[in-house]
C-alpha atoms as a PDB file:
ATOM      1  CA  MET A   1      85.125 137.767  95.108  1.00  0.00           C
ATOM      2  CA  VAL A   2      85.323 138.879  91.433  1.00  0.00           C
ATOM      3  CA  ARG A   3      89.106 139.488  91.747  1.00  0.00           C
ATOM      4  CA  ARG A   4      89.608 135.878  93.010  1.00  0.00           C
ATOM      5  CA  LEU A   5      87.448 134.393  90.298  1.00  0.00           C
ATOM      6  CA  PRO A   6      90.474 133.284  88.144  1.00  0.00           C
ATOM      7  CA  GLU A   7      91.889 131.417  91.179  1.00  0.00           C
ATOM      8  CA  TYR A   8      88.571 129.649  91.784  1.00  0.00           C
ATOM      9  CA  LEU A   9      88.312 128.665  88.075  1.00  0.00           C
ATOM     10  CA  VAL A  10      91.900 127.333  88.063  1.00  0.00           C
ATOM     11  CA  ILE A  11      91.217 125.191  91.151  1.00  0.00           C
ATOM     12  CA  TRP A  12      87.618 124.124  90.893  1.00  0.00           C
ATOM     13  CA  VAL A  13      87.116 123.551  87.184  1.00  0.00           C
ATOM     14  CA  PRO A  14      89.701 120.768  86.919  1.00  0.00           C
ATOM     15  CA  LEU A  15      88.502 119.287  90.171  1.00  0.00           C
ATOM     16  CA  LEU A  16      84.867 119.268  89.028  1.00  0.00           C
ATOM     17  CA  LEU A  17      85.782 117.841  85.649  1.00  0.00           C
ATOM     18  CA  SER A  18      87.871 115.081  87.298  1.00  0.00           C
ATOM     19  CA  ALA A  19      85.080 114.278  89.777  1.00  0.00           C
ATOM     20  CA  ALA A  20      82.490 114.135  86.974  1.00  0.00           C
ATOM     21  CA  HIS A  21      84.801 111.870  84.948  1.00  0.00           C
ATOM     22  CA  LEU A  22      85.398 109.559  87.884  1.00  0.00           C
ATOM     23  CA  ILE A  23      81.729 109.364  89.011  1.00  0.00           C
ATOM     24  CA  SER A  24      80.269 108.938  85.517  1.00  0.00           C
ATOM     25  CA  PHE A  25      82.615 106.182  84.484  1.00  0.00           C
ATOM     26  CA  SER A  26      82.149 104.440  87.891  1.00  0.00           C
ATOM     27  CA  ILE A  27      78.424 104.428  87.354  1.00  0.00           C
ATOM     28  CA  TRP A  28      78.827 103.228  83.773  1.00  0.00           C
ATOM     29  CA  THR A  29      81.132 100.334  84.963  1.00  0.00           C
ATOM     30  CA  ILE A  30      78.612  99.330  87.671  1.00  0.00           C
ATOM     31  CA  TRP A  31      75.821  99.304  85.058  1.00  0.00           C
ATOM     32  CA  ILE A  32      77.865  97.237  82.624  1.00  0.00           C
ATOM     33  CA  SER A  33      78.521  94.685  85.394  1.00  0.00           C
ATOM     34  CA  PHE A  34      74.847  93.852  85.493  1.00  0.00           C
ATOM     35  CA  THR A  35      74.486  93.347  81.719  1.00  0.00           C
ATOM     36  CA  PRO A  36      75.371  90.430  79.364  1.00  0.00           C
ATOM     37  CA  SER A  37      77.956  92.615  77.582  1.00  0.00           C
ATOM     38  CA  THR A  38      80.816  90.785  75.798  1.00  0.00           C
ATOM     39  CA  LEU A  39      82.810  92.417  73.117  1.00  0.00           C
ATOM     40  CA  ILE A  40      80.763  95.650  73.215  1.00  0.00           C
ATOM     41  CA  PRO A  41      78.299  97.081  75.795  1.00  0.00           C
ATOM     42  CA  VAL A  42      74.721  95.844  75.354  1.00  0.00           C
ATOM     43  CA  SER A  43      71.559  96.486  77.289  1.00  0.00           C
ATOM     44  CA  GLY A  44      69.888  93.815  79.360  1.00  0.00           C
ATOM     45  CA  TRP A  45      69.822  92.657  82.929  1.00  0.00           C
ATOM     46  CA  VAL A  46      71.486  89.552  84.268  1.00  0.00           C
ATOM     47  CA  GLY A  47      71.490  90.435  87.976  1.00  0.00           C
ATOM     48  CA  LEU A  48      74.460  89.019  89.893  1.00  0.00           C
ATOM     49  CA  ARG A  49      75.416  86.453  87.295  1.00  0.00           C
ATOM     50  CA  ASN A  50      78.636  88.173  86.327  1.00  0.00           C
ATOM     51  CA  TYR A  51      79.640  88.573  89.934  1.00  0.00           C
ATOM     52  CA  ASN A  52      78.916  84.961  90.734  1.00  0.00           C
ATOM     53  CA  ALA A  53      80.960  83.862  87.726  1.00  0.00           C
ATOM     54  CA  VAL A  54      83.862  86.011  88.651  1.00  0.00           C
ATOM     55  CA  LEU A  55      83.821  84.912  92.351  1.00  0.00           C
ATOM     56  CA  ALA A  56      83.616  81.255  91.307  1.00  0.00           C
ATOM     57  CA  SER A  57      86.460  81.479  88.809  1.00  0.00           C
ATOM     58  CA  ARG A  58      89.902  80.052  89.673  1.00  0.00           C
ATOM     59  CA  ASN A  59      91.579  83.220  88.387  1.00  0.00           C
ATOM     60  CA  TRP A  60      89.820  85.437  90.837  1.00  0.00           C
ATOM     61  CA  GLN A  61      90.380  83.054  93.780  1.00  0.00           C
ATOM     62  CA  ILE A  62      94.051  82.899  93.110  1.00  0.00           C
ATOM     63  CA  ALA A  63      94.218  86.712  92.542  1.00  0.00           C
ATOM     64  CA  PHE A  64      92.393  87.356  95.880  1.00  0.00           C
ATOM     65  CA  ASP A  65      94.724  84.984  97.731  1.00  0.00           C
ATOM     66  CA  ASN A  66      97.720  86.609  96.127  1.00  0.00           C
ATOM     67  CA  LEU A  67      96.297  90.052  97.052  1.00  0.00           C
ATOM     68  CA  LEU A  68      96.147  89.037 100.734  1.00  0.00           C
ATOM     69  CA  LEU A  69      99.674  87.747 100.728  1.00  0.00           C
ATOM     70  CA  PHE A  70     101.102  90.612  98.606  1.00  0.00           C
ATOM     71  CA  GLY A  71      99.228  93.279 100.562  1.00  0.00           C
ATOM     72  CA  ILE A  72     100.256  92.057 104.004  1.00  0.00           C
ATOM     73  CA  ALA A  73     103.914  91.348 103.116  1.00  0.00           C
ATOM     74  CA  PHE A  74     104.415  94.448 101.061  1.00  0.00           C
ATOM     75  CA  VAL A  75     102.813  96.840 103.531  1.00  0.00           C
ATOM     76  CA  LEU A  76     104.553  95.436 106.609  1.00  0.00           C
ATOM     77  CA  LEU A  77     108.023  95.125 104.983  1.00  0.00           C
ATOM     78  CA  SER A  78     107.859  98.554 103.270  1.00  0.00           C
ATOM     79  CA  LEU A  79     106.701 100.049 106.584  1.00  0.00           C
ATOM     80  CA  ILE A  80     109.594  98.530 108.457  1.00  0.00           C
ATOM     81  CA  THR A  81     112.120  99.301 105.754  1.00  0.00           C
ATOM     82  CA  GLY A  82     110.960 102.939 105.529  1.00  0.00           C
ATOM     83  CA  LEU A  83     110.981 103.358 109.307  1.00  0.00           C
ATOM     84  CA  LEU A  84     114.534 101.944 109.594  1.00  0.00           C
ATOM     85  CA  LEU A  85     115.818 104.244 106.802  1.00  0.00           C
ATOM     86  CA  ALA A  86     114.150 107.212 108.459  1.00  0.00           C
ATOM     87  CA  ILE A  87     115.775 106.390 111.807  1.00  0.00           C
ATOM     88  CA  LEU A  88     119.163 105.981 110.027  1.00  0.00           C
ATOM     89  CA  LEU A  89     118.824 109.492 108.447  1.00  0.00           C
ATOM     90  CA  ASP A  90     117.517 110.934 111.694  1.00  0.00           C
ATOM     91  CA  GLN A  91     120.968 110.376 113.189  1.00  0.00           C
ATOM     92  CA  ARG A  92     122.096 113.314 110.991  1.00  0.00           C
ATOM     93  CA  ILE A  93     124.860 111.344 109.420  1.00  0.00           C
ATOM     94  CA  ARG A  94     127.329 113.114 107.083  1.00  0.00           C
ATOM     95  CA  ALA A  95     125.947 111.765 103.817  1.00  0.00           C
ATOM     96  CA  GLU A  96     122.319 112.399 104.754  1.00  0.00           C
ATOM     97  CA  ASN A  97     121.419 114.430 101.631  1.00  0.00           C
ATOM     98  CA  ALA A  98     122.986 111.924  99.250  1.00  0.00           C
ATOM     99  CA  LEU A  99     121.385 108.968 100.959  1.00  0.00           C
ATOM    100  CA  ARG A 100     117.924 110.653 101.026  1.00  0.00           C
ATOM    101  CA  THR A 101     118.234 111.197  97.277  1.00  0.00           C
ATOM    102  CA  ILE A 102     119.273 107.566  96.695  1.00  0.00           C
ATOM    103  CA  PHE A 103     116.412 106.234  98.831  1.00  0.00           C
ATOM    104  CA  LEU A 104     113.826 108.518  97.191  1.00  0.00           C
ATOM    105  CA  TYR A 105     115.033 107.882  93.599  1.00  0.00           C
ATOM    106  CA  PRO A 106     112.870 104.753  93.015  1.00  0.00           C
ATOM    107  CA  LEU A 107     109.797 106.948  93.438  1.00  0.00           C
ATOM    108  CA  ALA A 108     110.823 108.784  90.265  1.00  0.00           C
ATOM    109  CA  VAL A 109     110.915 105.553  88.262  1.00  0.00           C
ATOM    110  CA  SER A 110     107.723 104.228  86.679  1.00  0.00           C
ATOM    111  CA  PHE A 111     106.305 100.876  87.716  1.00  0.00           C
ATOM    112  CA  VAL A 112     106.823  99.521  84.205  1.00  0.00           C
ATOM    113  CA  VAL A 113     110.561 100.382  84.311  1.00  0.00           C
ATOM    114  CA  THR A 114     110.785  98.913  87.854  1.00  0.00           C
ATOM    115  CA  GLY A 115     109.137  95.709  86.780  1.00  0.00           C
ATOM    116  CA  THR A 116     111.225  95.393  83.623  1.00  0.00           C
ATOM    117  CA  VAL A 117     114.547  95.911  85.375  1.00  0.00           C
ATOM    118  CA  TRP A 118     113.707  93.500  88.211  1.00  0.00           C
ATOM    119  CA  SER A 119     112.594  90.893  85.650  1.00  0.00           C
ATOM    120  CA  TRP A 120     116.098  91.124  84.159  1.00  0.00           C
ATOM    121  CA  LEU A 121     117.734  90.871  87.520  1.00  0.00           C
ATOM    122  CA  LEU A 122     115.635  87.914  88.637  1.00  0.00           C
ATOM    123  CA  ASN A 123     115.699  86.047  85.359  1.00  0.00           C
ATOM    124  CA  PRO A 124     117.825  82.934  85.989  1.00  0.00           C
ATOM    125  CA  SER A 125     119.346  83.015  82.510  1.00  0.00           C
ATOM    126  CA  ILE A 126     120.562  86.619  82.449  1.00  0.00           C
ATOM    127  CA  GLY A 127     120.296  88.012  86.013  1.00  0.00           C
ATOM    128  CA  ILE A 128     121.691  87.410  89.500  1.00  0.00           C
ATOM    129  CA  GLU A 129     121.799  83.565  89.161  1.00  0.00           C
ATOM    130  CA  LYS A 130     123.867  83.671  85.962  1.00  0.00           C
ATOM    131  CA  LEU A 131     126.237  86.288  87.439  1.00  0.00           C
ATOM    132  CA  VAL A 132     126.923  84.065  90.494  1.00  0.00           C
ATOM    133  CA  HIS A 133     127.359  81.051  88.198  1.00  0.00           C
ATOM    134  CA  ASP A 134     129.880  82.999  86.100  1.00  0.00           C
ATOM    135  CA  LEU A 135     131.795  83.785  89.282  1.00  0.00           C
ATOM    136  CA  GLY A 136     132.175  80.036  89.875  1.00  0.00           C
ATOM    137  CA  TRP A 137     129.392  79.199  92.307  1.00  0.00           C
ATOM    138  CA  THR A 138     127.494  76.775  89.954  1.00  0.00           C
ATOM    139  CA  SER A 139     125.309  75.286  92.737  1.00  0.00           C
ATOM    140  CA  PHE A 140     123.674  78.666  93.477  1.00  0.00           C
ATOM    141  CA  HIS A 141     119.964  78.905  92.600  1.00  0.00           C
ATOM    142  CA  PHE A 142     117.780  81.943  92.639  1.00  0.00           C
ATOM    143  CA  ASP A 143     114.925  81.096  90.286  1.00  0.00           C
ATOM    144  CA  TRP A 144     112.005  82.715  92.160  1.00  0.00           C
ATOM    145  CA  LEU A 145     110.821  84.367  88.977  1.00  0.00           C
ATOM    146  CA  VAL A 146     109.975  81.001  87.382  1.00  0.00           C
ATOM    147  CA  ASN A 147     108.996  79.257  90.620  1.00  0.00           C
ATOM    148  CA  ARG A 148     105.204  79.125  91.066  1.00  0.00           C
ATOM    149  CA  ASP A 149     105.506  79.090  94.884  1.00  0.00           C
ATOM    150  CA  MET A 150     107.980  81.979  95.106  1.00  0.00           C
ATOM    151  CA  ALA A 151     107.141  84.228  92.204  1.00  0.00           C
ATOM    152  CA  ILE A 152     104.749  86.362  94.208  1.00  0.00           C
ATOM    153  CA  TRP A 153     107.707  87.320  96.459  1.00  0.00           C
ATOM    154  CA  THR A 154     109.561  88.858  93.491  1.00  0.00           C
ATOM    155  CA  ILE A 155     106.690  91.324  93.198  1.00  0.00           C
ATOM    156  CA  VAL A 156     106.948  91.976  96.886  1.00  0.00           C
ATOM    157  CA  ILE A 157     110.703  92.687  96.575  1.00  0.00           C
ATOM    158  CA  ALA A 158     110.228  95.070  93.592  1.00  0.00           C
ATOM    159  CA  ALA A 159     107.363  96.886  95.258  1.00  0.00           C
ATOM    160  CA  ILE A 160     109.291  97.417  98.477  1.00  0.00           C
ATOM    161  CA  TRP A 161     112.225  98.786  96.479  1.00  0.00           C
ATOM    162  CA  GLN A 162     109.843 101.178  94.732  1.00  0.00           C
ATOM    163  CA  SER A 163     107.854 102.360  97.664  1.00  0.00           C
ATOM    164  CA  SER A 164     110.017 102.324 100.762  1.00  0.00           C
ATOM    165  CA  GLY A 165     111.297 105.775  99.994  1.00  0.00           C
ATOM    166  CA  PHE A 166     107.762 107.163 100.332  1.00  0.00           C
ATOM    167  CA  ALA A 167     107.375 105.651 103.800  1.00  0.00           C
ATOM    168  CA  MET A 168     110.847 106.910 104.733  1.00  0.00           C
ATOM    169  CA  ALA A 169     110.079 110.477 103.725  1.00  0.00           C
ATOM    170  CA  LEU A 170     106.875 110.512 105.880  1.00  0.00           C
ATOM    171  CA  PHE A 171     108.486 108.869 108.877  1.00  0.00           C
ATOM    172  CA  LEU A 172     111.499 111.203 108.627  1.00  0.00           C
ATOM    173  CA  ALA A 173     109.228 114.215 108.627  1.00  0.00           C
ATOM    174  CA  GLY A 174     107.556 112.831 111.723  1.00  0.00           C
ATOM    175  CA  LEU A 175     110.746 112.131 113.496  1.00  0.00           C
ATOM    176  CA  ARG A 176     112.018 115.631 112.777  1.00  0.00           C
ATOM    177  CA  SER A 177     108.794 117.132 114.213  1.00  0.00           C
ATOM    178  CA  VAL A 178     109.060 115.415 117.609  1.00  0.00           C
ATOM    179  CA  ASP A 179     109.477 117.949 120.418  1.00  0.00           C
ATOM    180  CA  ALA A 180     113.203 118.005 121.387  1.00  0.00           C
ATOM    181  CA  ASP A 181     112.238 118.691 125.043  1.00  0.00           C
ATOM    182  CA  ILE A 182     110.477 115.351 125.276  1.00  0.00           C
ATOM    183  CA  ILE A 183     113.609 113.568 123.928  1.00  0.00           C
ATOM    184  CA  ARG A 184     115.853 115.456 126.377  1.00  0.00           C
ATOM    185  CA  ALA A 185     113.560 114.574 129.264  1.00  0.00           C
ATOM    186  CA  ALA A 186     113.689 110.896 128.373  1.00  0.00           C
ATOM    187  CA  GLN A 187     117.524 111.111 128.158  1.00  0.00           C
ATOM    188  CA  ILE A 188     117.673 112.802 131.569  1.00  0.00           C
ATOM    189  CA  ASP A 189     115.575 109.928 132.957  1.00  0.00           C
ATOM    190  CA  GLY A 190     118.259 107.513 131.773  1.00  0.00           C
ATOM    191  CA  ALA A 191     116.609 106.180 128.599  1.00  0.00           C
ATOM    192  CA  GLY A 192     119.080 104.989 125.967  1.00  0.00           C
ATOM    193  CA  PRO A 193     118.671 105.599 122.233  1.00  0.00           C
ATOM    194  CA  ILE A 194     116.703 102.301 121.589  1.00  0.00           C
ATOM    195  CA  ARG A 195     114.339 102.932 124.574  1.00  0.00           C
ATOM    196  CA  THR A 196     113.897 106.499 123.603  1.00  0.00           C
ATOM    197  CA  TYR A 197     112.747 105.614 120.151  1.00  0.00           C
ATOM    198  CA  TRP A 198     110.579 102.685 121.270  1.00  0.00           C
ATOM    199  CA  ARG A 199     108.916 104.352 124.274  1.00  0.00           C
ATOM    200  CA  VAL A 200     108.910 108.073 123.363  1.00  0.00           C
ATOM    201  CA  ILE A 201     109.364 108.820 119.731  1.00  0.00           C
ATOM    202  CA  LEU A 202     107.649 105.926 117.798  1.00  0.00           C
ATOM    203  CA  PRO A 203     104.281 106.253 119.666  1.00  0.00           C
ATOM    204  CA  THR A 204     103.975 109.795 118.382  1.00  0.00           C
ATOM    205  CA  LEU A 205     104.197 108.446 114.737  1.00  0.00           C
ATOM    206  CA  TRP A 206     101.080 106.357 114.769  1.00  0.00           C
ATOM    207  CA  PRO A 207      98.967 108.863 112.638  1.00  0.00           C
ATOM    208  CA  ILE A 208     101.795 108.844 109.999  1.00  0.00           C
ATOM    209  CA  THR A 209     101.932 105.001 110.269  1.00  0.00           C
ATOM    210  CA  ILE A 210      98.219 104.760 109.541  1.00  0.00           C
ATOM    211  CA  THR A 211      98.595 107.055 106.502  1.00  0.00           C
ATOM    212  CA  VAL A 212     101.476 105.035 105.115  1.00  0.00           C
ATOM    213  CA  VAL A 213      99.535 101.733 105.621  1.00  0.00           C
ATOM    214  CA  VAL A 214      96.480 103.098 103.816  1.00  0.00           C
ATOM    215  CA  VAL A 215      98.503 104.542 100.875  1.00  0.00           C
ATOM    216  CA  GLN A 216     100.486 101.324 100.462  1.00  0.00           C
ATOM    217  CA  LEU A 217      97.321  99.178 100.721  1.00  0.00           C
ATOM    218  CA  GLN A 218      95.762 101.298  97.958  1.00  0.00           C
ATOM    219  CA  PHE A 219      98.753 100.609  95.792  1.00  0.00           C
ATOM    220  CA  ALA A 220      98.676  96.862  96.544  1.00  0.00           C
ATOM    221  CA  ILE A 221      94.953  96.610  95.707  1.00  0.00           C
ATOM    222  CA  SER A 222      95.264  98.429  92.352  1.00  0.00           C
ATOM    223  CA  ALA A 223      98.701  97.095  91.349  1.00  0.00           C
ATOM    224  CA  PHE A 224      98.839  96.373  87.614  1.00  0.00           C
ATOM    225  CA  ASP A 225     101.921  97.912  85.872  1.00  0.00           C
ATOM    226  CA  LEU A 226     104.480  96.367  88.151  1.00  0.00           C
ATOM    227  CA  VAL A 227     102.982  92.887  87.922  1.00  0.00           C
ATOM    228  CA  ARG A 228     102.405  93.152  84.180  1.00  0.00           C
ATOM    229  CA  ALA A 229     106.002  94.105  83.514  1.00  0.00           C
ATOM    230  CA  LEU A 230     107.637  91.789  86.050  1.00  0.00           C
ATOM    231  CA  THR A 231     105.740  88.441  85.816  1.00  0.00           C
ATOM    232  CA  ASN A 232     102.678  89.121  83.566  1.00  0.00           C
ATOM    233  CA  GLY A 233     100.741  87.073  86.106  1.00  0.00           C
ATOM    234  CA  GLY A 234     102.948  84.004  85.642  1.00  0.00           C
ATOM    235  CA  PRO A 235     104.285  81.394  85.856  1.00  0.00           C
ATOM    236  CA  GLY A 236     100.830  80.388  84.564  1.00  0.00           C
ATOM    237  CA  ILE A 237      98.450  82.371  86.769  1.00  0.00           C
ATOM    238  CA  ALA A 238     100.578  82.013  89.947  1.00  0.00           C
ATOM    239  CA  THR A 239     100.971  85.838  90.392  1.00  0.00           C
ATOM    240  CA  GLN A 240      97.610  87.001  89.198  1.00  0.00           C
ATOM    241  CA  LEU A 241      96.215  90.059  91.069  1.00  0.00           C
ATOM    242  CA  PRO A 242      92.650  91.504  90.713  1.00  0.00           C
ATOM    243  CA  ALA A 243      93.756  94.228  88.236  1.00  0.00           C
ATOM    244  CA  LEU A 244      95.144  91.625  85.948  1.00  0.00           C
ATOM    245  CA  VAL A 245      91.931  89.634  86.157  1.00  0.00           C
ATOM    246  CA  VAL A 246      90.013  92.742  85.097  1.00  0.00           C
ATOM    247  CA  TYR A 247      92.430  93.276  82.183  1.00  0.00           C
ATOM    248  CA  ASP A 248      92.250  89.629  81.111  1.00  0.00           C
ATOM    249  CA  LEU A 249      88.452  89.546  81.142  1.00  0.00           C
ATOM    250  CA  MET A 250      87.878  92.803  79.349  1.00  0.00           C
ATOM    251  CA  PHE A 251      90.697  92.927  76.747  1.00  0.00           C
ATOM    252  CA  GLN A 252      91.737  89.326  76.194  1.00  0.00           C
ATOM    253  CA  ARG A 253      88.607  87.295  76.684  1.00  0.00           C
ATOM    254  CA  ASN A 254      86.165  89.966  75.530  1.00  0.00           C
ATOM    255  CA  GLN A 255      83.905  89.444  78.564  1.00  0.00           C
ATOM    256  CA  LEU A 256      83.063  93.059  79.243  1.00  0.00           C
ATOM    257  CA  GLY A 257      80.359  92.340  81.786  1.00  0.00           C
ATOM    258  CA  ARG A 258      82.464  90.054  83.894  1.00  0.00           C
ATOM    259  CA  GLY A 259      85.427  92.420  83.657  1.00  0.00           C
ATOM    260  CA  ALA A 260      83.277  95.210  84.905  1.00  0.00           C
ATOM    261  CA  ALA A 261      82.048  93.026  87.769  1.00  0.00           C
ATOM    262  CA  ALA A 262      85.672  92.263  88.714  1.00  0.00           C
ATOM    263  CA  ALA A 263      86.443  96.008  88.576  1.00  0.00           C
ATOM    264  CA  VAL A 264      83.539  96.715  90.890  1.00  0.00           C
ATOM    265  CA  LEU A 265      84.762  94.065  93.301  1.00  0.00           C
ATOM    266  CA  MET A 266      88.191  95.823  93.288  1.00  0.00           C
ATOM    267  CA  LEU A 267      86.431  99.113  94.021  1.00  0.00           C
ATOM    268  CA  LEU A 268      84.630  97.500  97.012  1.00  0.00           C
ATOM    269  CA  ILE A 269      87.938  96.226  98.356  1.00  0.00           C
ATOM    270  CA  LEU A 270      89.446  99.661  97.958  1.00  0.00           C
ATOM    271  CA  LEU A 271      86.506 101.298  99.709  1.00  0.00           C
ATOM    272  CA  ALA A 272      86.860  98.855 102.571  1.00  0.00           C
ATOM    273  CA  VAL A 273      90.207 100.417 103.168  1.00  0.00           C
ATOM    274  CA  LEU A 274      89.552 104.095 102.320  1.00  0.00           C
ATOM    275  CA  LEU A 275      86.200 104.625 104.064  1.00  0.00           C
ATOM    276  CA  PRO A 276      87.369 103.653 107.589  1.00  0.00           C
ATOM    277  CA  TYR A 277      90.455 105.835 107.052  1.00  0.00           C
ATOM    278  CA  ALA A 278      88.226 108.753 105.931  1.00  0.00           C
ATOM    279  CA  ALA A 279      86.028 108.253 109.001  1.00  0.00           C
ATOM    280  CA  TRP A 280      89.106 108.152 111.284  1.00  0.00           C
ATOM    281  CA  ARG A 281      90.418 111.396 109.748  1.00  0.00           C
ATOM    282  CA  TYR A 282      87.039 113.050 110.252  1.00  0.00           C
ATOM    283  CA  VAL A 283      86.701 111.998 113.863  1.00  0.00           C
ATOM    284  CA  ARG A 284      90.295 113.055 114.530  1.00  0.00           C
ATOM    285  CA  ARG A 285      89.672 116.514 113.027  1.00  0.00           C
ATOM    286  CA  ARG A 286      86.474 116.960 115.108  1.00  0.00           C
ATOM    287  CA  LYS A 287      88.307 116.008 118.297  1.00  0.00           C
ATOM    288  CA  ALA A 288      91.118 118.425 117.426  1.00  0.00           C
ATOM    289  CA  ALA A 289      88.569 121.225 116.757  1.00  0.00           C
ATOM    290  CA  HIS A 290      86.858 120.715 120.103  1.00  0.00           C
ATOM    291  CA  ALA A 291      90.051 120.349 122.100  1.00  0.00           C
END
């Protein structure tokens, strides 16, 4: 026990400090959300007034609608893209190592860099639209970045580019772990490649699928850097997301209490995703232990 003390200190001290930091500041934020704090924290009790104000604000309503659209579109499309890339690499093609590196590269890029580069590409005056115009196709239009109805899809595109490699890596690991005897048995029964994947291989990947969905939803709910760099919530407030509402209330409008209330609402949305996932993992482990 004494000989392993340095190992325990290295592992548990940072974990306990991180947990204490997270819990203490979460409690502080929850307390602030019930006070009339503006520029600086103040004592007092206003009940649910901050929450009612945030929920009734147009910014939050647009941000929540955008979160639903962004979350569903981003998770589904990144899931499909990652799965297709994993199936492609699972064919053990010649350039597999190079392609795997290329597909995983966006994960090494920060969201700020991703948002900045995509803002250049999608800017009608300097990006793809201008390039096509210079090539002679002057009637071509790709102005989603400045179109209120389509701007949210620019965030979806950039987020898929950034995160599909993560889904691909998990799916590829799952595909490579499928028992080869099961695949051979399906082939002996006359199943072609498509049917083998659809009926035999993909059903075994549902635990990985759930993990990918939860991780991607967590990113969608807390997305800030990418949106800030790509659209800054614009045009107008057309691409506002909850994290930008928190930032706007706390640091631009000096409404600390309402900003804290918005942050707590974000936390509740996140818990609505994470708690069922944690319960599912616990039940699955219990069943595996008693099997």
